[in-house]
Amino acid sequence: MNWYLDVLKKYAVFTGRARRQEFWMFALFNVIAALVLFAVDMALGTYPLLYGIYALAVLLPGLGVTVRRLHDTGRSGWWILIDLIPFVGAVILIVFLATEGDQHQNAHGPNPKAAPAH
């Protein structure tokens, strides 16, 4: 749950790098929350009220963590637009998001996986 909250705290941060775990844990909790809100909305007969509000609320944090995840792999955040290509774009983006990040500092900052130096 902390991974989800950490992404929300970086509400519109599009700089830096995000680990795979940070991205995928946010994605998991996001899907679970969306499904629960969808079910509640359908049960109450208010669809898409709650679901729509939630989707708008997590739009910027979701884009931000995706861009930071792409930065971790050494790619520009603009690669998110590849998702606009039907079918193939989504597969390519998922491969990029699942790829291990650069082991060393890249143009977007230090490796977030590395332990902080004391």
PDB file of N, CA and C in Angstrom:
ATOM      1  N   MET A   1       0.818  -1.196   0.000  1.00  0.00           N
ATOM      2  CA  MET A   1       0.000   0.000   0.000  1.00  0.00           C
ATOM      3  C   MET A   1       0.859   1.257   0.000  1.00  0.00           C
ATOM      4  N   ASN A   2       2.056   1.177   0.617  1.00  0.00           N
ATOM      5  CA  ASN A   2       2.948   2.343   0.646  1.00  0.00           C
ATOM      6  C   ASN A   2       3.373   2.764  -0.748  1.00  0.00           C
ATOM      7  N   TRP A   3       3.551   1.780  -1.650  1.00  0.00           N
ATOM      8  CA  TRP A   3       3.941   2.116  -3.027  1.00  0.00           C
ATOM      9  C   TRP A   3       2.869   2.979  -3.680  1.00  0.00           C
ATOM     10  N   TYR A   4       1.623   2.630  -3.432  1.00  0.00           N
ATOM     11  CA  TYR A   4       0.501   3.370  -4.002  1.00  0.00           C
ATOM     12  C   TYR A   4       0.477   4.791  -3.448  1.00  0.00           C
ATOM     13  N   LEU A   5       0.627   4.918  -2.145  1.00  0.00           N
ATOM     14  CA  LEU A   5       0.594   6.238  -1.511  1.00  0.00           C
ATOM     15  C   LEU A   5       1.789   7.090  -1.916  1.00  0.00           C
ATOM     16  N   ASP A   6       2.957   6.466  -2.083  1.00  0.00           N
ATOM     17  CA  ASP A   6       4.139   7.221  -2.514  1.00  0.00           C
ATOM     18  C   ASP A   6       3.928   7.835  -3.894  1.00  0.00           C
ATOM     19  N   VAL A   7       3.285   7.091  -4.788  1.00  0.00           N
ATOM     20  CA  VAL A   7       2.997   7.627  -6.125  1.00  0.00           C
ATOM     21  C   VAL A   7       2.014   8.788  -6.016  1.00  0.00           C
ATOM     22  N   LEU A   8       1.012   8.654  -5.167  1.00  0.00           N
ATOM     23  CA  LEU A   8       0.048   9.740  -5.000  1.00  0.00           C
ATOM     24  C   LEU A   8       0.698  10.986  -4.401  1.00  0.00           C
ATOM     25  N   LYS A   9       1.698  10.800  -3.541  1.00  0.00           N
ATOM     26  CA  LYS A   9       2.408  11.943  -2.968  1.00  0.00           C
ATOM     27  C   LYS A   9       3.195  12.695  -4.035  1.00  0.00           C
ATOM     28  N   LYS A  10       3.636  11.980  -5.060  1.00  0.00           N
ATOM     29  CA  LYS A  10       4.342  12.615  -6.183  1.00  0.00           C
ATOM     30  C   LYS A  10       3.324  12.910  -7.282  1.00  0.00           C
ATOM     31  N   TYR A  11       2.245  13.572  -6.926  1.00  0.00           N
ATOM     32  CA  TYR A  11       1.058  13.704  -7.751  1.00  0.00           C
ATOM     33  C   TYR A  11       1.340  14.016  -9.219  1.00  0.00           C
ATOM     34  N   ALA A  12       2.110  15.023  -9.497  1.00  0.00           N
ATOM     35  CA  ALA A  12       2.380  15.409 -10.886  1.00  0.00           C
ATOM     36  C   ALA A  12       3.881  15.553 -11.119  1.00  0.00           C
ATOM     37  N   VAL A  13       4.665  14.630 -10.573  1.00  0.00           N
ATOM     38  CA  VAL A  13       6.117  14.656 -10.749  1.00  0.00           C
ATOM     39  C   VAL A  13       6.468  13.816 -11.972  1.00  0.00           C
ATOM     40  N   PHE A  14       7.027  14.480 -12.967  1.00  0.00           N
ATOM     41  CA  PHE A  14       7.387  13.807 -14.206  1.00  0.00           C
ATOM     42  C   PHE A  14       8.899  13.735 -14.397  1.00  0.00           C
ATOM     43  N   THR A  15       9.642  14.033 -13.352  1.00  0.00           N
ATOM     44  CA  THR A  15      11.099  13.967 -13.426  1.00  0.00           C
ATOM     45  C   THR A  15      11.590  12.863 -12.506  1.00  0.00           C
ATOM     46  N   GLY A  16      12.787  12.395 -12.777  1.00  0.00           N
ATOM     47  CA  GLY A  16      13.367  11.350 -11.953  1.00  0.00           C
ATOM     48  C   GLY A  16      13.062   9.967 -12.497  1.00  0.00           C
ATOM     49  N   ARG A  17      13.264   8.972 -11.647  1.00  0.00           N
ATOM     50  CA  ARG A  17      13.128   7.582 -12.060  1.00  0.00           C
ATOM     51  C   ARG A  17      12.254   6.820 -11.069  1.00  0.00           C
ATOM     52  N   ALA A  18      11.562   5.791 -11.563  1.00  0.00           N
ATOM     53  CA  ALA A  18      10.722   4.947 -10.714  1.00  0.00           C
ATOM     54  C   ALA A  18      11.090   3.485 -10.950  1.00  0.00           C
ATOM     55  N   ARG A  19      11.234   2.747  -9.877  1.00  0.00           N
ATOM     56  CA  ARG A  19      11.541   1.317  -9.968  1.00  0.00           C
ATOM     57  C   ARG A  19      10.358   0.548 -10.550  1.00  0.00           C
ATOM     58  N   ARG A  20      10.650  -0.646 -11.039  1.00  0.00           N
ATOM     59  CA  ARG A  20       9.585  -1.519 -11.539  1.00  0.00           C
ATOM     60  C   ARG A  20       8.567  -1.794 -10.451  1.00  0.00           C
ATOM     61  N   GLN A  21       9.049  -2.074  -9.251  1.00  0.00           N
ATOM     62  CA  GLN A  21       8.141  -2.409  -8.157  1.00  0.00           C
ATOM     63  C   GLN A  21       7.189  -1.255  -7.863  1.00  0.00           C
ATOM     64  N   GLU A  22       7.700  -0.043  -7.856  1.00  0.00           N
ATOM     65  CA  GLU A  22       6.854   1.131  -7.607  1.00  0.00           C
ATOM     66  C   GLU A  22       5.756   1.221  -8.667  1.00  0.00           C
ATOM     67  N   PHE A  23       6.126   1.067  -9.929  1.00  0.00           N
ATOM     68  CA  PHE A  23       5.143   1.169 -11.007  1.00  0.00           C
ATOM     69  C   PHE A  23       4.103   0.062 -10.934  1.00  0.00           C
ATOM     70  N   TRP A  24       4.551  -1.189 -10.831  1.00  0.00           N
ATOM     71  CA  TRP A  24       3.622  -2.315 -10.896  1.00  0.00           C
ATOM     72  C   TRP A  24       2.751  -2.434  -9.650  1.00  0.00           C
ATOM     73  N   MET A  25       3.270  -2.044  -8.488  1.00  0.00           N
ATOM     74  CA  MET A  25       2.432  -2.063  -7.287  1.00  0.00           C
ATOM     75  C   MET A  25       1.355  -0.975  -7.384  1.00  0.00           C
ATOM     76  N   PHE A  26       1.716   0.186  -7.914  1.00  0.00           N
ATOM     77  CA  PHE A  26       0.714   1.232  -8.143  1.00  0.00           C
ATOM     78  C   PHE A  26      -0.336   0.729  -9.125  1.00  0.00           C
ATOM     79  N   ALA A  27       0.106   0.084 -10.205  1.00  0.00           N
ATOM     80  CA  ALA A  27      -0.837  -0.430 -11.199  1.00  0.00           C
ATOM     81  C   ALA A  27      -1.781  -1.460 -10.576  1.00  0.00           C
ATOM     82  N   LEU A  28      -1.250  -2.349  -9.749  1.00  0.00           N
ATOM     83  CA  LEU A  28      -2.071  -3.375  -9.103  1.00  0.00           C
ATOM     84  C   LEU A  28      -3.135  -2.747  -8.201  1.00  0.00           C
ATOM     85  N   PHE A  29      -2.721  -1.855  -7.304  1.00  0.00           N
ATOM     86  CA  PHE A  29      -3.678  -1.221  -6.394  1.00  0.00           C
ATOM     87  C   PHE A  29      -4.674  -0.346  -7.158  1.00  0.00           C
ATOM     88  N   ASN A  30      -4.213   0.266  -8.236  1.00  0.00           N
ATOM     89  CA  ASN A  30      -5.084   1.095  -9.054  1.00  0.00           C
ATOM     90  C   ASN A  30      -6.185   0.243  -9.695  1.00  0.00           C
ATOM     91  N   VAL A  31      -5.830  -0.911 -10.232  1.00  0.00           N
ATOM     92  CA  VAL A  31      -6.823  -1.799 -10.846  1.00  0.00           C
ATOM     93  C   VAL A  31      -7.806  -2.312  -9.793  1.00  0.00           C
ATOM     94  N   ILE A  32      -7.297  -2.701  -8.636  1.00  0.00           N
ATOM     95  CA  ILE A  32      -8.175  -3.193  -7.568  1.00  0.00           C
ATOM     96  C   ILE A  32      -9.162  -2.101  -7.140  1.00  0.00           C
ATOM     97  N   ALA A  33      -8.665  -0.895  -6.916  1.00  0.00           N
ATOM     98  CA  ALA A  33      -9.535   0.212  -6.495  1.00  0.00           C
ATOM     99  C   ALA A  33     -10.561   0.528  -7.577  1.00  0.00           C
ATOM    100  N   ALA A  34     -10.138   0.522  -8.833  1.00  0.00           N
ATOM    101  CA  ALA A  34     -11.060   0.815  -9.930  1.00  0.00           C
ATOM    102  C   ALA A  34     -12.154  -0.241 -10.021  1.00  0.00           C
ATOM    103  N   LEU A  35     -11.790  -1.512  -9.865  1.00  0.00           N
ATOM    104  CA  LEU A  35     -12.785  -2.582  -9.922  1.00  0.00           C
ATOM    105  C   LEU A  35     -13.791  -2.485  -8.772  1.00  0.00           C
ATOM    106  N   VAL A  36     -13.286  -2.181  -7.582  1.00  0.00           N
ATOM    107  CA  VAL A  36     -14.179  -2.032  -6.427  1.00  0.00           C
ATOM    108  C   VAL A  36     -15.126  -0.860  -6.647  1.00  0.00           C
ATOM    109  N   LEU A  37     -14.603   0.276  -7.093  1.00  0.00           N
ATOM    110  CA  LEU A  37     -15.460   1.444  -7.322  1.00  0.00           C
ATOM    111  C   LEU A  37     -16.450   1.198  -8.453  1.00  0.00           C
ATOM    112  N   PHE A  38     -16.024   0.472  -9.464  1.00  0.00           N
ATOM    113  CA  PHE A  38     -16.928   0.112 -10.556  1.00  0.00           C
ATOM    114  C   PHE A  38     -18.089  -0.735 -10.028  1.00  0.00           C
ATOM    115  N   ALA A  39     -17.761  -1.733  -9.193  1.00  0.00           N
ATOM    116  CA  ALA A  39     -18.800  -2.606  -8.630  1.00  0.00           C
ATOM    117  C   ALA A  39     -19.752  -1.818  -7.734  1.00  0.00           C
ATOM    118  N   VAL A  40     -19.203  -0.930  -6.912  1.00  0.00           N
ATOM    119  CA  VAL A  40     -20.045  -0.115  -6.032  1.00  0.00           C
ATOM    120  C   VAL A  40     -20.935   0.803  -6.866  1.00  0.00           C
ATOM    121  N   ASP A  41     -20.361   1.411  -7.889  1.00  0.00           N
ATOM    122  CA  ASP A  41     -21.127   2.280  -8.782  1.00  0.00           C
ATOM    123  C   ASP A  41     -22.276   1.529  -9.448  1.00  0.00           C
ATOM    124  N   MET A  42     -21.995   0.329  -9.919  1.00  0.00           N
ATOM    125  CA  MET A  42     -23.028  -0.471 -10.575  1.00  0.00           C
ATOM    126  C   MET A  42     -24.117  -0.871  -9.570  1.00  0.00           C
ATOM    127  N   ALA A  43     -23.717  -1.222  -8.356  1.00  0.00           N
ATOM    128  CA  ALA A  43     -24.683  -1.623  -7.330  1.00  0.00           C
ATOM    129  C   ALA A  43     -25.585  -0.456  -6.924  1.00  0.00           C
ATOM    130  N   LEU A  44     -25.015   0.723  -6.860  1.00  0.00           N
ATOM    131  CA  LEU A  44     -25.786   1.905  -6.481  1.00  0.00           C
ATOM    132  C   LEU A  44     -26.552   2.507  -7.656  1.00  0.00           C
ATOM    133  N   GLY A  45     -26.205   2.089  -8.862  1.00  0.00           N
ATOM    134  CA  GLY A  45     -26.839   2.649 -10.052  1.00  0.00           C
ATOM    135  C   GLY A  45     -26.349   4.041 -10.387  1.00  0.00           C
ATOM    136  N   THR A  46     -25.139   4.371  -9.940  1.00  0.00           N
ATOM    137  CA  THR A  46     -24.587   5.705 -10.175  1.00  0.00           C
ATOM    138  C   THR A  46     -23.441   5.697 -11.181  1.00  0.00           C
ATOM    139  N   TYR A  47     -23.231   4.552 -11.850  1.00  0.00           N
ATOM    140  CA  TYR A  47     -22.110   4.469 -12.801  1.00  0.00           C
ATOM    141  C   TYR A  47     -22.252   5.551 -13.840  1.00  0.00           C
ATOM    142  N   PRO A  48     -21.250   6.295 -14.156  1.00  0.00           N
ATOM    143  CA  PRO A  48     -19.829   6.227 -13.824  1.00  0.00           C
ATOM    144  C   PRO A  48     -19.382   7.277 -12.814  1.00  0.00           C
ATOM    145  N   LEU A  49     -20.198   7.654 -11.881  1.00  0.00           N
ATOM    146  CA  LEU A  49     -19.875   8.747 -10.969  1.00  0.00           C
ATOM    147  C   LEU A  49     -18.619   8.488 -10.144  1.00  0.00           C
ATOM    148  N   LEU A  50     -18.639   7.505  -9.244  1.00  0.00           N
ATOM    149  CA  LEU A  50     -17.482   7.235  -8.378  1.00  0.00           C
ATOM    150  C   LEU A  50     -16.268   6.787  -9.191  1.00  0.00           C
ATOM    151  N   TYR A  51     -16.505   5.884 -10.120  1.00  0.00           N
ATOM    152  CA  TYR A  51     -15.424   5.375 -10.969  1.00  0.00           C
ATOM    153  C   TYR A  51     -14.782   6.507 -11.770  1.00  0.00           C
ATOM    154  N   GLY A  52     -15.589   7.382 -12.320  1.00  0.00           N
ATOM    155  CA  GLY A  52     -15.081   8.507 -13.110  1.00  0.00           C
ATOM    156  C   GLY A  52     -14.277   9.490 -12.281  1.00  0.00           C
ATOM    157  N   ILE A  53     -14.766   9.782 -11.088  1.00  0.00           N
ATOM    158  CA  ILE A  53     -14.031  10.692 -10.195  1.00  0.00           C
ATOM    159  C   ILE A  53     -12.678  10.088  -9.835  1.00  0.00           C
ATOM    160  N   TYR A  54     -12.681   8.791  -9.521  1.00  0.00           N
ATOM    161  CA  TYR A  54     -11.419   8.123  -9.182  1.00  0.00           C
ATOM    162  C   TYR A  54     -10.460   8.129 -10.372  1.00  0.00           C
ATOM    163  N   ALA A  55     -10.969   7.825 -11.553  1.00  0.00           N
ATOM    164  CA  ALA A  55     -10.122   7.787 -12.751  1.00  0.00           C
ATOM    165  C   ALA A  55      -9.479   9.149 -13.009  1.00  0.00           C
ATOM    166  N   LEU A  56     -10.242  10.211 -12.842  1.00  0.00           N
ATOM    167  CA  LEU A  56      -9.680  11.557 -13.015  1.00  0.00           C
ATOM    168  C   LEU A  56      -8.657  11.881 -11.929  1.00  0.00           C
ATOM    169  N   ALA A  57      -8.923  11.423 -10.705  1.00  0.00           N
ATOM    170  CA  ALA A  57      -8.019  11.718  -9.586  1.00  0.00           C
ATOM    171  C   ALA A  57      -6.656  11.049  -9.750  1.00  0.00           C
ATOM    172  N   VAL A  58      -6.610   9.866 -10.341  1.00  0.00           N
ATOM    173  CA  VAL A  58      -5.332   9.154 -10.473  1.00  0.00           C
ATOM    174  C   VAL A  58      -4.721   9.291 -11.867  1.00  0.00           C
ATOM    175  N   LEU A  59      -5.309  10.115 -12.718  1.00  0.00           N
ATOM    176  CA  LEU A  59      -4.767  10.293 -14.071  1.00  0.00           C
ATOM    177  C   LEU A  59      -3.342  10.850 -14.047  1.00  0.00           C
ATOM    178  N   LEU A  60      -3.138  11.966 -13.383  1.00  0.00           N
ATOM    179  CA  LEU A  60      -1.794  12.569 -13.344  1.00  0.00           C
ATOM    180  C   LEU A  60      -0.773  11.710 -12.591  1.00  0.00           C
ATOM    181  N   PRO A  61      -1.119  11.145 -11.424  1.00  0.00           N
ATOM    182  CA  PRO A  61      -0.141  10.266 -10.773  1.00  0.00           C
ATOM    183  C   PRO A  61       0.210   9.058 -11.640  1.00  0.00           C
ATOM    184  N   GLY A  62      -0.760   8.512 -12.356  1.00  0.00           N
ATOM    185  CA  GLY A  62      -0.497   7.370 -13.233  1.00  0.00           C
ATOM    186  C   GLY A  62       0.418   7.737 -14.386  1.00  0.00           C
ATOM    187  N   LEU A  63       0.169   8.889 -14.985  1.00  0.00           N
ATOM    188  CA  LEU A  63       1.057   9.357 -16.053  1.00  0.00           C
ATOM    189  C   LEU A  63       2.450   9.643 -15.506  1.00  0.00           C
ATOM    190  N   GLY A  64       2.502  10.252 -14.335  1.00  0.00           N
ATOM    191  CA  GLY A  64       3.798  10.585 -13.731  1.00  0.00           C
ATOM    192  C   GLY A  64       4.637   9.359 -13.446  1.00  0.00           C
ATOM    193  N   VAL A  65       4.062   8.323 -12.836  1.00  0.00           N
ATOM    194  CA  VAL A  65       4.837   7.123 -12.516  1.00  0.00           C
ATOM    195  C   VAL A  65       5.219   6.380 -13.792  1.00  0.00           C
ATOM    196  N   THR A  66       4.390   6.447 -14.824  1.00  0.00           N
ATOM    197  CA  THR A  66       4.735   5.806 -16.096  1.00  0.00           C
ATOM    198  C   THR A  66       5.909   6.518 -16.751  1.00  0.00           C
ATOM    199  N   VAL A  67       5.893   7.833 -16.738  1.00  0.00           N
ATOM    200  CA  VAL A  67       7.014   8.592 -17.307  1.00  0.00           C
ATOM    201  C   VAL A  67       8.288   8.329 -16.513  1.00  0.00           C
ATOM    202  N   ARG A  68       8.192   8.324 -15.181  1.00  0.00           N
ATOM    203  CA  ARG A  68       9.381   8.048 -14.368  1.00  0.00           C
ATOM    204  C   ARG A  68       9.894   6.627 -14.605  1.00  0.00           C
ATOM    205  N   ARG A  69       8.989   5.689 -14.835  1.00  0.00           N
ATOM    206  CA  ARG A  69       9.400   4.301 -15.134  1.00  0.00           C
ATOM    207  C   ARG A  69      10.132   4.242 -16.464  1.00  0.00           C
ATOM    208  N   LEU A  70       9.632   4.969 -17.466  1.00  0.00           N
ATOM    209  CA  LEU A  70      10.330   5.027 -18.751  1.00  0.00           C
ATOM    210  C   LEU A  70      11.703   5.683 -18.584  1.00  0.00           C
ATOM    211  N   HIS A  71      11.789   6.702 -17.750  1.00  0.00           N
ATOM    212  CA  HIS A  71      13.081   7.336 -17.476  1.00  0.00           C
ATOM    213  C   HIS A  71      14.065   6.333 -16.877  1.00  0.00           C
ATOM    214  N   ASP A  72      13.577   5.443 -16.033  1.00  0.00           N
ATOM    215  CA  ASP A  72      14.454   4.455 -15.407  1.00  0.00           C
ATOM    216  C   ASP A  72      15.076   3.528 -16.446  1.00  0.00           C
ATOM    217  N   THR A  73      14.383   3.314 -17.541  1.00  0.00           N
ATOM    218  CA  THR A  73      14.921   2.449 -18.602  1.00  0.00           C
ATOM    219  C   THR A  73      15.732   3.245 -19.615  1.00  0.00           C
ATOM    220  N   GLY A  74      15.934   4.532 -19.347  1.00  0.00           N
ATOM    221  CA  GLY A  74      16.750   5.365 -20.230  1.00  0.00           C
ATOM    222  C   GLY A  74      15.970   5.948 -21.395  1.00  0.00           C
ATOM    223  N   ARG A  75      14.664   5.877 -21.358  1.00  0.00           N
ATOM    224  CA  ARG A  75      13.841   6.393 -22.449  1.00  0.00           C
ATOM    225  C   ARG A  75      13.179   7.708 -22.036  1.00  0.00           C
ATOM    226  N   SER A  76      12.824   8.478 -23.038  1.00  0.00           N
ATOM    227  CA  SER A  76      12.093   9.707 -22.802  1.00  0.00           C
ATOM    228  C   SER A  76      10.661   9.373 -22.393  1.00  0.00           C
ATOM    229  N   GLY A  77      10.059  10.255 -21.643  1.00  0.00           N
ATOM    230  CA  GLY A  77       8.667  10.073 -21.255  1.00  0.00           C
ATOM    231  C   GLY A  77       7.713  10.131 -22.440  1.00  0.00           C
ATOM    232  N   TRP A  78       8.169  10.708 -23.535  1.00  0.00           N
ATOM    233  CA  TRP A  78       7.331  10.796 -24.725  1.00  0.00           C
ATOM    234  C   TRP A  78       7.028   9.426 -25.320  1.00  0.00           C
ATOM    235  N   TRP A  79       7.786   8.394 -24.924  1.00  0.00           N
ATOM    236  CA  TRP A  79       7.516   7.038 -25.404  1.00  0.00           C
ATOM    237  C   TRP A  79       6.144   6.550 -24.957  1.00  0.00           C
ATOM    238  N   ILE A  80       5.536   7.218 -23.998  1.00  0.00           N
ATOM    239  CA  ILE A  80       4.194   6.836 -23.562  1.00  0.00           C
ATOM    240  C   ILE A  80       3.193   6.956 -24.716  1.00  0.00           C
ATOM    241  N   LEU A  81       3.499   7.833 -25.668  1.00  0.00           N
ATOM    242  CA  LEU A  81       2.610   8.034 -26.807  1.00  0.00           C
ATOM    243  C   LEU A  81       2.575   6.838 -27.753  1.00  0.00           C
ATOM    244  N   ILE A  82       3.528   5.905 -27.622  1.00  0.00           N
ATOM    245  CA  ILE A  82       3.507   4.717 -28.471  1.00  0.00           C
ATOM    246  C   ILE A  82       2.252   3.900 -28.212  1.00  0.00           C
ATOM    247  N   ASP A  83       1.649   4.112 -27.062  1.00  0.00           N
ATOM    248  CA  ASP A  83       0.414   3.411 -26.715  1.00  0.00           C
ATOM    249  C   ASP A  83      -0.741   3.801 -27.645  1.00  0.00           C
ATOM    250  N   LEU A  84      -0.595   4.883 -28.379  1.00  0.00           N
ATOM    251  CA  LEU A  84      -1.639   5.306 -29.312  1.00  0.00           C
ATOM    252  C   LEU A  84      -1.719   4.421 -30.545  1.00  0.00           C
ATOM    253  N   ILE A  85      -0.668   3.652 -30.811  1.00  0.00           N
ATOM    254  CA  ILE A  85      -0.690   2.710 -31.932  1.00  0.00           C
ATOM    255  C   ILE A  85      -1.541   1.512 -31.504  1.00  0.00           C
ATOM    256  N   PRO A  86      -2.602   1.213 -32.229  1.00  0.00           N
ATOM    257  CA  PRO A  86      -3.488   0.111 -31.807  1.00  0.00           C
ATOM    258  C   PRO A  86      -2.741  -1.221 -31.674  1.00  0.00           C
ATOM    259  N   PHE A  87      -3.046  -1.941 -30.620  1.00  0.00           N
ATOM    260  CA  PHE A  87      -2.538  -3.280 -30.317  1.00  0.00           C
ATOM    261  C   PHE A  87      -1.033  -3.311 -30.093  1.00  0.00           C
ATOM    262  N   VAL A  88      -0.249  -3.027 -31.103  1.00  0.00           N
ATOM    263  CA  VAL A  88       1.210  -3.142 -31.027  1.00  0.00           C
ATOM    264  C   VAL A  88       1.792  -2.147 -30.031  1.00  0.00           C
ATOM    265  N   GLY A  89       1.265  -0.934 -30.003  1.00  0.00           N
ATOM    266  CA  GLY A  89       1.785   0.100 -29.115  1.00  0.00           C
ATOM    267  C   GLY A  89       1.688  -0.291 -27.650  1.00  0.00           C
ATOM    268  N   ALA A  90       0.566  -0.877 -27.260  1.00  0.00           N
ATOM    269  CA  ALA A  90       0.386  -1.294 -25.866  1.00  0.00           C
ATOM    270  C   ALA A  90       1.372  -2.393 -25.494  1.00  0.00           C
ATOM    271  N   VAL A  91       1.602  -3.322 -26.398  1.00  0.00           N
ATOM    272  CA  VAL A  91       2.547  -4.417 -26.128  1.00  0.00           C
ATOM    273  C   VAL A  91       3.963  -3.860 -25.976  1.00  0.00           C
ATOM    274  N   ILE A  92       4.353  -2.967 -26.860  1.00  0.00           N
ATOM    275  CA  ILE A  92       5.691  -2.372 -26.787  1.00  0.00           C
ATOM    276  C   ILE A  92       5.847  -1.591 -25.484  1.00  0.00           C
ATOM    277  N   LEU A  93       4.834  -0.826 -25.113  1.00  0.00           N
ATOM    278  CA  LEU A  93       4.907  -0.045 -23.873  1.00  0.00           C
ATOM    279  C   LEU A  93       5.022  -0.957 -22.656  1.00  0.00           C
ATOM    280  N   ILE A  94       4.285  -2.042 -22.626  1.00  0.00           N
ATOM    281  CA  ILE A  94       4.379  -2.986 -21.501  1.00  0.00           C
ATOM    282  C   ILE A  94       5.773  -3.584 -21.421  1.00  0.00           C
ATOM    283  N   VAL A  95       6.370  -3.892 -22.569  1.00  0.00           N
ATOM    284  CA  VAL A  95       7.741  -4.416 -22.576  1.00  0.00           C
ATOM    285  C   VAL A  95       8.694  -3.377 -22.016  1.00  0.00           C
ATOM    286  N   PHE A  96       8.548  -2.129 -22.426  1.00  0.00           N
ATOM    287  CA  PHE A  96       9.398  -1.058 -21.901  1.00  0.00           C
ATOM    288  C   PHE A  96       9.236  -0.925 -20.386  1.00  0.00           C
ATOM    289  N   LEU A  97       7.998  -0.987 -19.906  1.00  0.00           N
ATOM    290  CA  LEU A  97       7.723  -0.814 -18.479  1.00  0.00           C
ATOM    291  C   LEU A  97       8.210  -1.994 -17.646  1.00  0.00           C
ATOM    292  N   ALA A  98       8.291  -3.168 -18.269  1.00  0.00           N
ATOM    293  CA  ALA A  98       8.735  -4.364 -17.549  1.00  0.00           C
ATOM    294  C   ALA A  98      10.248  -4.569 -17.631  1.00  0.00           C
ATOM    295  N   THR A  99      10.911  -3.818 -18.482  1.00  0.00           N
ATOM    296  CA  THR A  99      12.359  -3.934 -18.635  1.00  0.00           C
ATOM    297  C   THR A  99      13.069  -3.407 -17.395  1.00  0.00           C
ATOM    298  N   GLU A 100      14.141  -4.074 -17.018  1.00  0.00           N
ATOM    299  CA  GLU A 100      14.926  -3.617 -15.870  1.00  0.00           C
ATOM    300  C   GLU A 100      15.536  -2.252 -16.167  1.00  0.00           C
ATOM    301  N   GLY A 101      15.591  -1.409 -15.154  1.00  0.00           N
ATOM    302  CA  GLY A 101      16.136  -0.068 -15.316  1.00  0.00           C
ATOM    303  C   GLY A 101      17.646  -0.075 -15.447  1.00  0.00           C
ATOM    304  N   ASP A 102      18.173   1.072 -15.879  1.00  0.00           N
ATOM    305  CA  ASP A 102      19.625   1.232 -15.985  1.00  0.00           C
ATOM    306  C   ASP A 102      20.257   1.046 -14.612  1.00  0.00           C
ATOM    307  N   GLN A 103      21.353   0.310 -14.566  1.00  0.00           N
ATOM    308  CA  GLN A 103      22.011   0.012 -13.298  1.00  0.00           C
ATOM    309  C   GLN A 103      22.752   1.219 -12.723  1.00  0.00           C
ATOM    310  N   HIS A 104      23.093   2.160 -13.578  1.00  0.00           N
ATOM    311  CA  HIS A 104      23.859   3.327 -13.142  1.00  0.00           C
ATOM    312  C   HIS A 104      23.054   4.586 -13.419  1.00  0.00           C
ATOM    313  N   GLN A 105      23.595   5.692 -12.991  1.00  0.00           N
ATOM    314  CA  GLN A 105      22.932   6.963 -13.239  1.00  0.00           C
ATOM    315  C   GLN A 105      22.758   7.158 -14.731  1.00  0.00           C
ATOM    316  N   ASN A 106      21.600   7.674 -15.128  1.00  0.00           N
ATOM    317  CA  ASN A 106      21.396   8.022 -16.527  1.00  0.00           C
ATOM    318  C   ASN A 106      21.005   9.492 -16.608  1.00  0.00           C
ATOM    319  N   ALA A 107      20.541   9.938 -17.756  1.00  0.00           N
ATOM    320  CA  ALA A 107      20.210  11.349 -17.947  1.00  0.00           C
ATOM    321  C   ALA A 107      19.069  11.827 -17.045  1.00  0.00           C
ATOM    322  N   HIS A 108      18.336  10.889 -16.468  1.00  0.00           N
ATOM    323  CA  HIS A 108      17.174  11.250 -15.664  1.00  0.00           C
ATOM    324  C   HIS A 108      17.425  11.141 -14.158  1.00  0.00           C
ATOM    325  N   GLY A 109      18.625  10.773 -13.774  1.00  0.00           N
ATOM    326  CA  GLY A 109      18.952  10.744 -12.361  1.00  0.00           C
ATOM    327  C   GLY A 109      19.632   9.446 -11.932  1.00  0.00           C
ATOM    328  N   PRO A 110      19.895   9.328 -10.632  1.00  0.00           N
ATOM    329  CA  PRO A 110      20.564   8.136 -10.111  1.00  0.00           C
ATOM    330  C   PRO A 110      19.626   6.924 -10.088  1.00  0.00           C
ATOM    331  N   ASN A 111      20.211   5.768 -10.000  1.00  0.00           N
ATOM    332  CA  ASN A 111      19.451   4.517  -9.941  1.00  0.00           C
ATOM    333  C   ASN A 111      18.613   4.507  -8.658  1.00  0.00           C
ATOM    334  N   PRO A 112      17.285   4.421  -8.741  1.00  0.00           N
ATOM    335  CA  PRO A 112      16.460   4.414  -7.533  1.00  0.00           C
ATOM    336  C   PRO A 112      16.590   3.106  -6.749  1.00  0.00           C
ATOM    337  N   LYS A 113      17.130   2.088  -7.374  1.00  0.00           N
ATOM    338  CA  LYS A 113      17.280   0.792  -6.725  1.00  0.00           C
ATOM    339  C   LYS A 113      18.524   0.755  -5.832  1.00  0.00           C
ATOM    340  N   ALA A 114      19.484   1.614  -6.137  1.00  0.00           N
ATOM    341  CA  ALA A 114      20.733   1.647  -5.379  1.00  0.00           C
ATOM    342  C   ALA A 114      20.471   2.171  -3.970  1.00  0.00           C
ATOM    343  N   ALA A 115      21.169   1.576  -3.027  1.00  0.00           N
ATOM    344  CA  ALA A 115      21.040   2.023  -1.636  1.00  0.00           C
ATOM    345  C   ALA A 115      21.643   3.411  -1.490  1.00  0.00           C
ATOM    346  N   PRO A 116      20.991   4.298  -0.743  1.00  0.00           N
ATOM    347  CA  PRO A 116      21.540   5.629  -0.550  1.00  0.00           C
ATOM    348  C   PRO A 116      22.853   5.570   0.225  1.00  0.00           C
ATOM    349  N   ALA A 117      23.798   6.386  -0.211  1.00  0.00           N
ATOM    350  CA  ALA A 117      25.108   6.430   0.471  1.00  0.00           C
ATOM    351  C   ALA A 117      24.994   7.225   1.753  1.00  0.00           C
ATOM    352  N   HIS A 118      25.586   6.692   2.827  1.00  0.00           N
ATOM    353  CA  HIS A 118      25.544   7.398   4.121  1.00  0.00           C
ATOM    354  C   HIS A 118      26.899   7.883   4.480  1.00  0.00           C
TER     355      HIS A 118
END
